[in-house]
Amino acid sequence: MPTLSLTDLPIRRLTHRDLAACADLSEDRGWPREEHKWGLLLSAGTGYGIDDPAGGLVSACVVTEYGPYGSPSFGAVGMVLVAERHARRGVGRRLMRHIVSLMGTTPLTLHATPNGRPLYEELGFKTTGRAEMLRGRLTRGVPALDVTTRAATAEDLPSILRLDEEVFGADRTHVITRLPAFADQFRVAEESGRIIGYSAAWPNMDTQVVGPLIARDTKTAQSLLASLAARTDRPLRTDIDVRHEELLAWVKAGGLEPVAFNSVMTYGIPELPGDWRRRFAPLTVAAG
């Protein structure tokens, strides 16, 4: 029986049964396995992949849609991976073209590494921003801040969802309502009984990833970060919009070290919706 070429292999929907194969693919490319994050993405989003006849996956990615069900206002593309043995053979391009075609007129966004950016530019994505990844322990010289923070409760969810949609620019109830089970910490900032920000810290290998980070202003974002850092023994990792220069300077002074920059890219829209001034960090770069 003749061996199918990569261009003949079908692209299919991924399910939770593919979780181990997705983690294997991450490991194959030198990424952490990140089963916990894959689990969230395959629940809240839609995975697409190509099976390798020899076993495992040739390629995979996930699209998380936001806005009204069945009529999304935009989608975030993430975890675009191609097995090392099949790299540089057009597989990633084929998978991304499939996603762009499948999403039709729905605008898209993604975070691109320097290596991935040329492919996305070829497909029509435009760079509209940048995010800086940082990692470390927020311990050095963190001052006491006067913004009140506390653990989120079930009663806070309606207010959190209203604030999130206002700042993010689209309804992502299906993602945010998963945070209490997904995250190790889920905290709000409040003033006079009104929620003015919220954030979560979720486990990823030996770190806790801080995201989303939604806050009224820099001081509120600092308070949320400090409160999360004070309640974990793990290093923090987060991706902060580079326009938030004051927050970036503060976390670096506090002990977080720069790791890398990613390009924030969009397709079909000139920039991300919502209010970037109150959107400090994404849930994960894979889902916006």
C-alpha atoms as a PDB file:
ATOM      1  CA  MET A   1       0.000   0.000   0.000  1.00  0.00           C
ATOM      2  CA  PRO A   2       1.566   3.357  -0.993  1.00  0.00           C
ATOM      3  CA  THR A   3       2.513   5.805   1.740  1.00  0.00           C
ATOM      4  CA  LEU A   4       0.362   8.942   1.839  1.00  0.00           C
ATOM      5  CA  SER A   5       2.176  12.231   1.356  1.00  0.00           C
ATOM      6  CA  LEU A   6       1.816  14.955   3.953  1.00  0.00           C
ATOM      7  CA  THR A   7      -0.483  16.883   1.613  1.00  0.00           C
ATOM      8  CA  ASP A   8      -2.847  13.897   1.425  1.00  0.00           C
ATOM      9  CA  LEU A   9      -3.168  13.295   5.153  1.00  0.00           C
ATOM     10  CA  PRO A  10      -6.545  14.586   6.408  1.00  0.00           C
ATOM     11  CA  ILE A  11      -6.925  17.391   8.952  1.00  0.00           C
ATOM     12  CA  ARG A  12      -9.322  16.389  11.716  1.00  0.00           C
ATOM     13  CA  ARG A  13     -10.813  17.748  14.934  1.00  0.00           C
ATOM     14  CA  LEU A  14      -8.897  16.857  18.081  1.00  0.00           C
ATOM     15  CA  THR A  15     -10.577  15.725  21.322  1.00  0.00           C
ATOM     16  CA  HIS A  16      -9.484  15.056  24.890  1.00  0.00           C
ATOM     17  CA  ARG A  17      -8.489  11.583  23.747  1.00  0.00           C
ATOM     18  CA  ASP A  18      -5.656  13.327  21.888  1.00  0.00           C
ATOM     19  CA  LEU A  19      -4.300  15.037  25.008  1.00  0.00           C
ATOM     20  CA  ALA A  20      -1.285  12.718  25.385  1.00  0.00           C
ATOM     21  CA  ALA A  21      -0.475  12.989  21.664  1.00  0.00           C
ATOM     22  CA  CYS A  22      -0.605  16.802  21.874  1.00  0.00           C
ATOM     23  CA  ALA A  23       1.715  16.748  24.890  1.00  0.00           C
ATOM     24  CA  ASP A  24       4.053  14.374  23.026  1.00  0.00           C
ATOM     25  CA  LEU A  25       4.125  16.812  20.118  1.00  0.00           C
ATOM     26  CA  SER A  26       5.019  19.691  22.457  1.00  0.00           C
ATOM     27  CA  GLU A  27       7.832  17.609  23.937  1.00  0.00           C
ATOM     28  CA  ASP A  28       9.046  16.628  20.475  1.00  0.00           C
ATOM     29  CA  ARG A  29       9.621  20.319  19.671  1.00  0.00           C
ATOM     30  CA  GLY A  30      11.424  21.016  22.926  1.00  0.00           C
ATOM     31  CA  TRP A  31       8.432  22.620  24.653  1.00  0.00           C
ATOM     32  CA  PRO A  32       7.143  21.523  28.069  1.00  0.00           C
ATOM     33  CA  ARG A  33       4.400  18.891  27.817  1.00  0.00           C
ATOM     34  CA  GLU A  34       1.822  21.270  29.349  1.00  0.00           C
ATOM     35  CA  GLU A  35      -0.973  18.716  29.691  1.00  0.00           C
ATOM     36  CA  HIS A  36      -2.878  21.038  32.038  1.00  0.00           C
ATOM     37  CA  LYS A  37      -2.951  23.848  29.480  1.00  0.00           C
ATOM     38  CA  TRP A  38      -3.742  21.499  26.601  1.00  0.00           C
ATOM     39  CA  GLY A  39      -6.696  20.218  28.632  1.00  0.00           C
ATOM     40  CA  LEU A  40      -8.138  23.709  28.998  1.00  0.00           C
ATOM     41  CA  LEU A  41      -7.588  24.588  25.340  1.00  0.00           C
ATOM     42  CA  LEU A  42      -9.192  21.394  24.058  1.00  0.00           C
ATOM     43  CA  SER A  43     -12.196  22.030  26.363  1.00  0.00           C
ATOM     44  CA  ALA A  44     -12.724  25.747  25.721  1.00  0.00           C
ATOM     45  CA  GLY A  45     -11.492  25.770  22.116  1.00  0.00           C
ATOM     46  CA  THR A  46     -11.314  23.530  19.077  1.00  0.00           C
ATOM     47  CA  GLY A  47      -8.217  21.523  18.263  1.00  0.00           C
ATOM     48  CA  TYR A  48      -7.145  20.543  14.764  1.00  0.00           C
ATOM     49  CA  GLY A  49      -4.505  18.010  13.864  1.00  0.00           C
ATOM     50  CA  ILE A  50      -2.985  15.684  11.311  1.00  0.00           C
ATOM     51  CA  ASP A  51      -2.370  12.064  12.286  1.00  0.00           C
ATOM     52  CA  ASP A  52       0.966  10.455  11.497  1.00  0.00           C
ATOM     53  CA  PRO A  53       0.462   6.991   9.958  1.00  0.00           C
ATOM     54  CA  ALA A  54       3.498   5.913  11.986  1.00  0.00           C
ATOM     55  CA  GLY A  55       1.801   7.039  15.217  1.00  0.00           C
ATOM     56  CA  GLY A  56       1.266  10.294  17.033  1.00  0.00           C
ATOM     57  CA  LEU A  57       0.552  13.643  15.403  1.00  0.00           C
ATOM     58  CA  VAL A  58       2.231  15.304  12.459  1.00  0.00           C
ATOM     59  CA  SER A  59       0.840  18.684  13.489  1.00  0.00           C
ATOM     60  CA  ALA A  60      -1.674  20.360  15.786  1.00  0.00           C
ATOM     61  CA  CYS A  61      -3.151  23.717  16.750  1.00  0.00           C
ATOM     62  CA  VAL A  62      -6.089  25.102  18.729  1.00  0.00           C
ATOM     63  CA  VAL A  63      -8.577  27.877  17.927  1.00  0.00           C
ATOM     64  CA  THR A  64     -10.485  29.515  20.800  1.00  0.00           C
ATOM     65  CA  GLU A  65     -13.533  31.480  19.628  1.00  0.00           C
ATOM     66  CA  TYR A  66     -14.967  34.485  21.472  1.00  0.00           C
ATOM     67  CA  GLY A  67     -18.290  36.278  21.247  1.00  0.00           C
ATOM     68  CA  PRO A  68     -21.793  34.940  20.539  1.00  0.00           C
ATOM     69  CA  TYR A  69     -22.001  31.168  20.186  1.00  0.00           C
ATOM     70  CA  GLY A  70     -22.159  30.213  16.514  1.00  0.00           C
ATOM     71  CA  SER A  71     -21.242  33.730  15.417  1.00  0.00           C
ATOM     72  CA  PRO A  72     -17.873  34.533  17.023  1.00  0.00           C
ATOM     73  CA  SER A  73     -16.511  38.067  16.900  1.00  0.00           C
ATOM     74  CA  PHE A  74     -12.947  36.761  16.703  1.00  0.00           C
ATOM     75  CA  GLY A  75     -10.776  33.731  17.397  1.00  0.00           C
ATOM     76  CA  ALA A  76      -7.351  33.148  18.948  1.00  0.00           C
ATOM     77  CA  VAL A  77      -4.987  30.653  17.314  1.00  0.00           C
ATOM     78  CA  GLY A  78      -2.393  28.913  19.450  1.00  0.00           C
ATOM     79  CA  MET A  79      -0.179  25.864  19.979  1.00  0.00           C
ATOM     80  CA  VAL A  80       0.724  25.642  16.286  1.00  0.00           C
ATOM     81  CA  LEU A  81       3.167  22.752  16.268  1.00  0.00           C
ATOM     82  CA  VAL A  82       4.736  20.450  13.663  1.00  0.00           C
ATOM     83  CA  ALA A  83       6.689  17.330  14.619  1.00  0.00           C
ATOM     84  CA  GLU A  84      10.429  17.763  14.145  1.00  0.00           C
ATOM     85  CA  ARG A  85      10.602  14.860  11.684  1.00  0.00           C
ATOM     86  CA  HIS A  86       8.084  16.660   9.428  1.00  0.00           C
ATOM     87  CA  ALA A  87       9.355  20.224   9.890  1.00  0.00           C
ATOM     88  CA  ARG A  88      10.084  22.568   6.975  1.00  0.00           C
ATOM     89  CA  ARG A  89       7.824  20.639   4.597  1.00  0.00           C
ATOM     90  CA  GLY A  90       4.862  23.022   4.474  1.00  0.00           C
ATOM     91  CA  VAL A  91       2.741  21.249   7.083  1.00  0.00           C
ATOM     92  CA  GLY A  92       2.308  24.279   9.345  1.00  0.00           C
ATOM     93  CA  ARG A  93       1.388  26.426   6.345  1.00  0.00           C
ATOM     94  CA  ARG A  94      -1.203  23.881   5.226  1.00  0.00           C
ATOM     95  CA  LEU A  95      -2.758  23.660   8.699  1.00  0.00           C
ATOM     96  CA  MET A  96      -2.898  27.450   9.085  1.00  0.00           C
ATOM     97  CA  ARG A  97      -4.438  27.908   5.627  1.00  0.00           C
ATOM     98  CA  HIS A  98      -7.071  25.369   6.651  1.00  0.00           C
ATOM     99  CA  ILE A  99      -7.827  27.363   9.832  1.00  0.00           C
ATOM    100  CA  VAL A 100      -8.044  30.690   7.982  1.00  0.00           C
ATOM    101  CA  SER A 101     -10.370  29.154   5.384  1.00  0.00           C
ATOM    102  CA  LEU A 102     -12.502  27.413   8.004  1.00  0.00           C
ATOM    103  CA  MET A 103     -12.943  30.600  10.059  1.00  0.00           C
ATOM    104  CA  GLY A 104     -14.148  32.515   7.005  1.00  0.00           C
ATOM    105  CA  THR A 105     -14.760  36.176   7.809  1.00  0.00           C
ATOM    106  CA  THR A 106     -14.080  35.760  11.547  1.00  0.00           C
ATOM    107  CA  PRO A 107     -11.065  37.894  12.528  1.00  0.00           C
ATOM    108  CA  LEU A 108      -8.132  36.058  14.104  1.00  0.00           C
ATOM    109  CA  THR A 109      -5.307  36.827  16.491  1.00  0.00           C
ATOM    110  CA  LEU A 110      -2.197  34.977  17.631  1.00  0.00           C
ATOM    111  CA  HIS A 111       1.097  35.459  19.447  1.00  0.00           C
ATOM    112  CA  ALA A 112       4.013  34.673  17.138  1.00  0.00           C
ATOM    113  CA  THR A 113       7.580  33.772  17.978  1.00  0.00           C
ATOM    114  CA  PRO A 114      10.282  35.333  15.778  1.00  0.00           C
ATOM    115  CA  ASN A 115      10.578  31.988  13.957  1.00  0.00           C
ATOM    116  CA  GLY A 116       6.855  31.690  13.284  1.00  0.00           C
ATOM    117  CA  ARG A 117       6.208  35.284  12.301  1.00  0.00           C
ATOM    118  CA  PRO A 118       7.250  35.015   8.597  1.00  0.00           C
ATOM    119  CA  LEU A 119       4.727  32.222   7.982  1.00  0.00           C
ATOM    120  CA  TYR A 120       1.884  34.214   9.526  1.00  0.00           C
ATOM    121  CA  GLU A 121       2.864  37.320   7.568  1.00  0.00           C
ATOM    122  CA  GLU A 122       2.746  35.238   4.381  1.00  0.00           C
ATOM    123  CA  LEU A 123      -0.822  34.240   5.275  1.00  0.00           C
ATOM    124  CA  GLY A 124      -1.900  37.868   5.762  1.00  0.00           C
ATOM    125  CA  PHE A 125      -1.466  38.381   9.517  1.00  0.00           C
ATOM    126  CA  LYS A 126      -0.214  41.819  10.587  1.00  0.00           C
ATOM    127  CA  THR A 127       1.849  42.661  13.658  1.00  0.00           C
ATOM    128  CA  THR A 128      -0.223  44.982  15.860  1.00  0.00           C
ATOM    129  CA  GLY A 129       1.614  44.728  19.190  1.00  0.00           C
ATOM    130  CA  ARG A 130       4.187  42.944  21.310  1.00  0.00           C
ATOM    131  CA  ALA A 131       4.230  41.097  24.611  1.00  0.00           C
ATOM    132  CA  GLU A 132       7.212  40.428  26.857  1.00  0.00           C
ATOM    133  CA  MET A 133       7.473  37.104  28.654  1.00  0.00           C
ATOM    134  CA  LEU A 134       8.941  37.273  32.154  1.00  0.00           C
ATOM    135  CA  ARG A 135       9.771  34.648  34.748  1.00  0.00           C
ATOM    136  CA  GLY A 136      10.960  34.648  38.345  1.00  0.00           C
ATOM    137  CA  ARG A 137      10.071  35.319  41.945  1.00  0.00           C
ATOM    138  CA  LEU A 138       8.504  38.658  42.764  1.00  0.00           C
ATOM    139  CA  THR A 139      10.362  39.212  46.021  1.00  0.00           C
ATOM    140  CA  ARG A 140      12.696  42.185  45.825  1.00  0.00           C
ATOM    141  CA  GLY A 141      11.438  45.450  47.262  1.00  0.00           C
ATOM    142  CA  VAL A 142       7.712  44.879  46.641  1.00  0.00           C
ATOM    143  CA  PRO A 143       6.010  47.665  48.607  1.00  0.00           C
ATOM    144  CA  ALA A 144       2.744  47.358  50.508  1.00  0.00           C
ATOM    145  CA  LEU A 145      -0.010  48.515  48.168  1.00  0.00           C
ATOM    146  CA  ASP A 146      -3.308  49.991  49.261  1.00  0.00           C
ATOM    147  CA  VAL A 147      -5.580  48.238  46.763  1.00  0.00           C
ATOM    148  CA  THR A 148      -7.673  45.551  48.464  1.00  0.00           C
ATOM    149  CA  THR A 149      -7.431  42.055  46.979  1.00  0.00           C
ATOM    150  CA  ARG A 150      -9.075  38.810  48.051  1.00  0.00           C
ATOM    151  CA  ALA A 151      -9.910  35.354  46.776  1.00  0.00           C
ATOM    152  CA  ALA A 152     -12.719  35.342  44.222  1.00  0.00           C
ATOM    153  CA  THR A 153     -15.988  33.637  45.138  1.00  0.00           C
ATOM    154  CA  ALA A 154     -18.824  32.198  43.092  1.00  0.00           C
ATOM    155  CA  GLU A 155     -20.845  35.338  43.819  1.00  0.00           C
ATOM    156  CA  ASP A 156     -18.155  37.425  42.069  1.00  0.00           C
ATOM    157  CA  LEU A 157     -18.499  35.674  38.711  1.00  0.00           C
ATOM    158  CA  PRO A 158     -21.229  37.907  37.202  1.00  0.00           C
ATOM    159  CA  SER A 159     -19.198  41.041  37.998  1.00  0.00           C
ATOM    160  CA  ILE A 160     -15.970  39.439  36.735  1.00  0.00           C
ATOM    161  CA  LEU A 161     -17.648  38.425  33.474  1.00  0.00           C
ATOM    162  CA  ARG A 162     -19.053  41.922  32.910  1.00  0.00           C
ATOM    163  CA  LEU A 163     -15.658  43.517  33.547  1.00  0.00           C
ATOM    164  CA  ASP A 164     -13.871  40.975  31.393  1.00  0.00           C
ATOM    165  CA  GLU A 165     -16.149  41.460  28.394  1.00  0.00           C
ATOM    166  CA  GLU A 166     -15.815  45.236  28.679  1.00  0.00           C
ATOM    167  CA  VAL A 167     -11.998  45.075  28.771  1.00  0.00           C
ATOM    168  CA  PHE A 168     -11.397  42.084  26.496  1.00  0.00           C
ATOM    169  CA  GLY A 169     -13.895  43.244  23.896  1.00  0.00           C
ATOM    170  CA  ALA A 170     -15.794  39.967  23.563  1.00  0.00           C
ATOM    171  CA  ASP A 171     -17.690  37.463  25.682  1.00  0.00           C
ATOM    172  CA  ARG A 172     -15.435  34.695  26.949  1.00  0.00           C
ATOM    173  CA  THR A 173     -17.720  33.207  29.591  1.00  0.00           C
ATOM    174  CA  HIS A 174     -16.830  29.678  28.433  1.00  0.00           C
ATOM    175  CA  VAL A 175     -13.177  30.333  29.345  1.00  0.00           C
ATOM    176  CA  ILE A 176     -13.463  32.487  32.477  1.00  0.00           C
ATOM    177  CA  THR A 177     -15.946  30.145  34.181  1.00  0.00           C
ATOM    178  CA  ARG A 178     -13.336  27.382  33.895  1.00  0.00           C
ATOM    179  CA  LEU A 179     -10.768  29.376  35.897  1.00  0.00           C
ATOM    180  CA  PRO A 180     -11.878  28.292  39.411  1.00  0.00           C
ATOM    181  CA  ALA A 181     -11.133  24.657  38.531  1.00  0.00           C
ATOM    182  CA  PHE A 182      -8.143  25.384  36.261  1.00  0.00           C
ATOM    183  CA  ALA A 183      -6.205  27.872  38.401  1.00  0.00           C
ATOM    184  CA  ASP A 184      -4.446  27.461  41.733  1.00  0.00           C
ATOM    185  CA  GLN A 185      -5.371  31.049  42.596  1.00  0.00           C
ATOM    186  CA  PHE A 186      -8.226  33.268  41.418  1.00  0.00           C
ATOM    187  CA  ARG A 187      -8.292  36.733  42.977  1.00  0.00           C
ATOM    188  CA  VAL A 188     -10.135  40.020  42.625  1.00  0.00           C
ATOM    189  CA  ALA A 189      -9.264  43.622  43.454  1.00  0.00           C
ATOM    190  CA  GLU A 190     -12.070  45.769  44.779  1.00  0.00           C
ATOM    191  CA  GLU A 191     -12.862  49.298  45.859  1.00  0.00           C
ATOM    192  CA  SER A 192     -15.949  50.208  47.903  1.00  0.00           C
ATOM    193  CA  GLY A 193     -17.371  46.753  47.205  1.00  0.00           C
ATOM    194  CA  ARG A 194     -16.888  47.066  43.422  1.00  0.00           C
ATOM    195  CA  ILE A 195     -14.560  44.741  41.507  1.00  0.00           C
ATOM    196  CA  ILE A 196     -11.930  46.791  39.651  1.00  0.00           C
ATOM    197  CA  GLY A 197      -9.672  43.968  38.519  1.00  0.00           C
ATOM    198  CA  TYR A 198      -9.054  40.257  38.659  1.00  0.00           C
ATOM    199  CA  SER A 199      -6.331  37.745  37.925  1.00  0.00           C
ATOM    200  CA  ALA A 200      -5.491  34.066  38.177  1.00  0.00           C
ATOM    201  CA  ALA A 201      -2.343  32.004  38.598  1.00  0.00           C
ATOM    202  CA  TRP A 202      -2.384  28.522  37.131  1.00  0.00           C
ATOM    203  CA  PRO A 203       0.143  25.671  37.273  1.00  0.00           C
ATOM    204  CA  ASN A 204       2.463  25.115  34.344  1.00  0.00           C
ATOM    205  CA  MET A 205       5.355  22.747  34.999  1.00  0.00           C
ATOM    206  CA  ASP A 206       7.421  24.328  37.808  1.00  0.00           C
ATOM    207  CA  THR A 207       5.844  27.799  37.508  1.00  0.00           C
ATOM    208  CA  GLN A 208       2.545  29.527  38.087  1.00  0.00           C
ATOM    209  CA  VAL A 209       1.433  31.454  35.015  1.00  0.00           C
ATOM    210  CA  VAL A 210      -0.263  34.761  35.847  1.00  0.00           C
ATOM    211  CA  GLY A 211      -3.156  35.358  33.482  1.00  0.00           C
ATOM    212  CA  PRO A 212      -5.541  36.837  32.720  1.00  0.00           C
ATOM    213  CA  LEU A 213      -4.516  40.096  34.375  1.00  0.00           C
ATOM    214  CA  ILE A 214      -7.313  42.660  34.054  1.00  0.00           C
ATOM    215  CA  ALA A 215      -7.063  45.812  36.167  1.00  0.00           C
ATOM    216  CA  ARG A 216      -8.352  49.367  36.353  1.00  0.00           C
ATOM    217  CA  ASP A 217      -4.822  50.780  36.435  1.00  0.00           C
ATOM    218  CA  THR A 218      -1.174  49.879  37.027  1.00  0.00           C
ATOM    219  CA  LYS A 219      -1.463  50.094  40.819  1.00  0.00           C
ATOM    220  CA  THR A 220      -4.310  47.593  40.773  1.00  0.00           C
ATOM    221  CA  ALA A 221      -2.334  45.260  38.487  1.00  0.00           C
ATOM    222  CA  GLN A 222       0.647  45.510  40.860  1.00  0.00           C
ATOM    223  CA  SER A 223      -1.540  44.653  43.845  1.00  0.00           C
ATOM    224  CA  LEU A 224      -2.982  41.598  42.136  1.00  0.00           C
ATOM    225  CA  LEU A 225       0.473  40.375  41.077  1.00  0.00           C
ATOM    226  CA  ALA A 226       1.891  40.921  44.557  1.00  0.00           C
ATOM    227  CA  SER A 227      -1.026  39.071  46.152  1.00  0.00           C
ATOM    228  CA  LEU A 228      -0.558  36.090  43.822  1.00  0.00           C
ATOM    229  CA  ALA A 229       3.202  36.015  44.401  1.00  0.00           C
ATOM    230  CA  ALA A 230       2.742  36.055  48.173  1.00  0.00           C
ATOM    231  CA  ARG A 231       0.640  32.880  48.032  1.00  0.00           C
ATOM    232  CA  THR A 232       2.886  30.537  46.050  1.00  0.00           C
ATOM    233  CA  ASP A 233       6.321  28.990  46.420  1.00  0.00           C
ATOM    234  CA  ARG A 234       6.674  28.659  42.650  1.00  0.00           C
ATOM    235  CA  PRO A 235       8.250  31.205  40.316  1.00  0.00           C
ATOM    236  CA  LEU A 236       5.763  33.286  38.348  1.00  0.00           C
ATOM    237  CA  ARG A 237       5.591  33.522  34.572  1.00  0.00           C
ATOM    238  CA  THR A 238       3.531  36.018  32.606  1.00  0.00           C
ATOM    239  CA  ASP A 239       3.322  37.847  29.265  1.00  0.00           C
ATOM    240  CA  ILE A 240       2.820  41.596  29.620  1.00  0.00           C
ATOM    241  CA  ASP A 241       1.789  43.984  26.854  1.00  0.00           C
ATOM    242  CA  VAL A 242       4.894  46.117  26.227  1.00  0.00           C
ATOM    243  CA  ARG A 243       2.805  49.294  26.323  1.00  0.00           C
ATOM    244  CA  HIS A 244       2.501  48.794  30.086  1.00  0.00           C
ATOM    245  CA  GLU A 245       5.975  50.186  30.679  1.00  0.00           C
ATOM    246  CA  GLU A 246       5.400  51.087  34.333  1.00  0.00           C
ATOM    247  CA  LEU A 247       4.267  47.564  35.241  1.00  0.00           C
ATOM    248  CA  LEU A 248       7.161  46.014  33.317  1.00  0.00           C
ATOM    249  CA  ALA A 249       9.682  48.177  35.149  1.00  0.00           C
ATOM    250  CA  TRP A 250       8.048  47.271  38.482  1.00  0.00           C
ATOM    251  CA  VAL A 251       8.086  43.481  37.979  1.00  0.00           C
ATOM    252  CA  LYS A 252      11.686  43.563  36.741  1.00  0.00           C
ATOM    253  CA  ALA A 253      12.730  45.572  39.776  1.00  0.00           C
ATOM    254  CA  GLY A 254      10.865  43.033  41.915  1.00  0.00           C
ATOM    255  CA  GLY A 255      12.771  40.040  40.582  1.00  0.00           C
ATOM    256  CA  LEU A 256      11.174  38.827  37.341  1.00  0.00           C
ATOM    257  CA  GLU A 257      13.598  38.327  34.461  1.00  0.00           C
ATOM    258  CA  PRO A 258      12.882  38.888  30.752  1.00  0.00           C
ATOM    259  CA  VAL A 259      12.649  35.650  28.749  1.00  0.00           C
ATOM    260  CA  ALA A 260      11.440  36.527  25.243  1.00  0.00           C
ATOM    261  CA  PHE A 261       9.273  38.783  23.117  1.00  0.00           C
ATOM    262  CA  ASN A 262       6.324  37.614  21.026  1.00  0.00           C
ATOM    263  CA  SER A 263       4.564  39.546  18.282  1.00  0.00           C
ATOM    264  CA  VAL A 264       0.827  40.033  18.711  1.00  0.00           C
ATOM    265  CA  MET A 265      -0.665  39.552  15.252  1.00  0.00           C
ATOM    266  CA  THR A 266      -4.162  40.007  13.834  1.00  0.00           C
ATOM    267  CA  TYR A 267      -5.966  38.897  10.695  1.00  0.00           C
ATOM    268  CA  GLY A 268      -9.063  40.718   9.466  1.00  0.00           C
ATOM    269  CA  ILE A 269      -8.965  43.442  12.137  1.00  0.00           C
ATOM    270  CA  PRO A 270      -6.497  46.338  12.525  1.00  0.00           C
ATOM    271  CA  GLU A 271      -6.064  45.742  16.260  1.00  0.00           C
ATOM    272  CA  LEU A 272      -7.509  43.738  19.118  1.00  0.00           C
ATOM    273  CA  PRO A 273     -10.908  44.849  20.431  1.00  0.00           C
ATOM    274  CA  GLY A 274     -11.464  46.053  23.979  1.00  0.00           C
ATOM    275  CA  ASP A 275      -9.401  48.327  26.207  1.00  0.00           C
ATOM    276  CA  TRP A 276      -5.684  47.548  26.165  1.00  0.00           C
ATOM    277  CA  ARG A 277      -5.093  50.030  28.999  1.00  0.00           C
ATOM    278  CA  ARG A 278      -6.820  47.644  31.410  1.00  0.00           C
ATOM    279  CA  ARG A 279      -5.675  44.407  29.725  1.00  0.00           C
ATOM    280  CA  PHE A 280      -2.228  43.718  31.133  1.00  0.00           C
ATOM    281  CA  ALA A 281      -1.660  40.008  30.360  1.00  0.00           C
ATOM    282  CA  PRO A 282      -3.527  37.239  28.528  1.00  0.00           C
ATOM    283  CA  LEU A 283      -4.815  34.048  30.090  1.00  0.00           C
ATOM    284  CA  THR A 284      -2.232  32.341  27.905  1.00  0.00           C
ATOM    285  CA  VAL A 285      -0.643  33.449  24.649  1.00  0.00           C
ATOM    286  CA  ALA A 286      -2.333  30.416  23.071  1.00  0.00           C
ATOM    287  CA  ALA A 287      -5.834  31.747  23.790  1.00  0.00           C
ATOM    288  CA  GLY A 288      -5.525  35.514  24.186  1.00  0.00           C
END
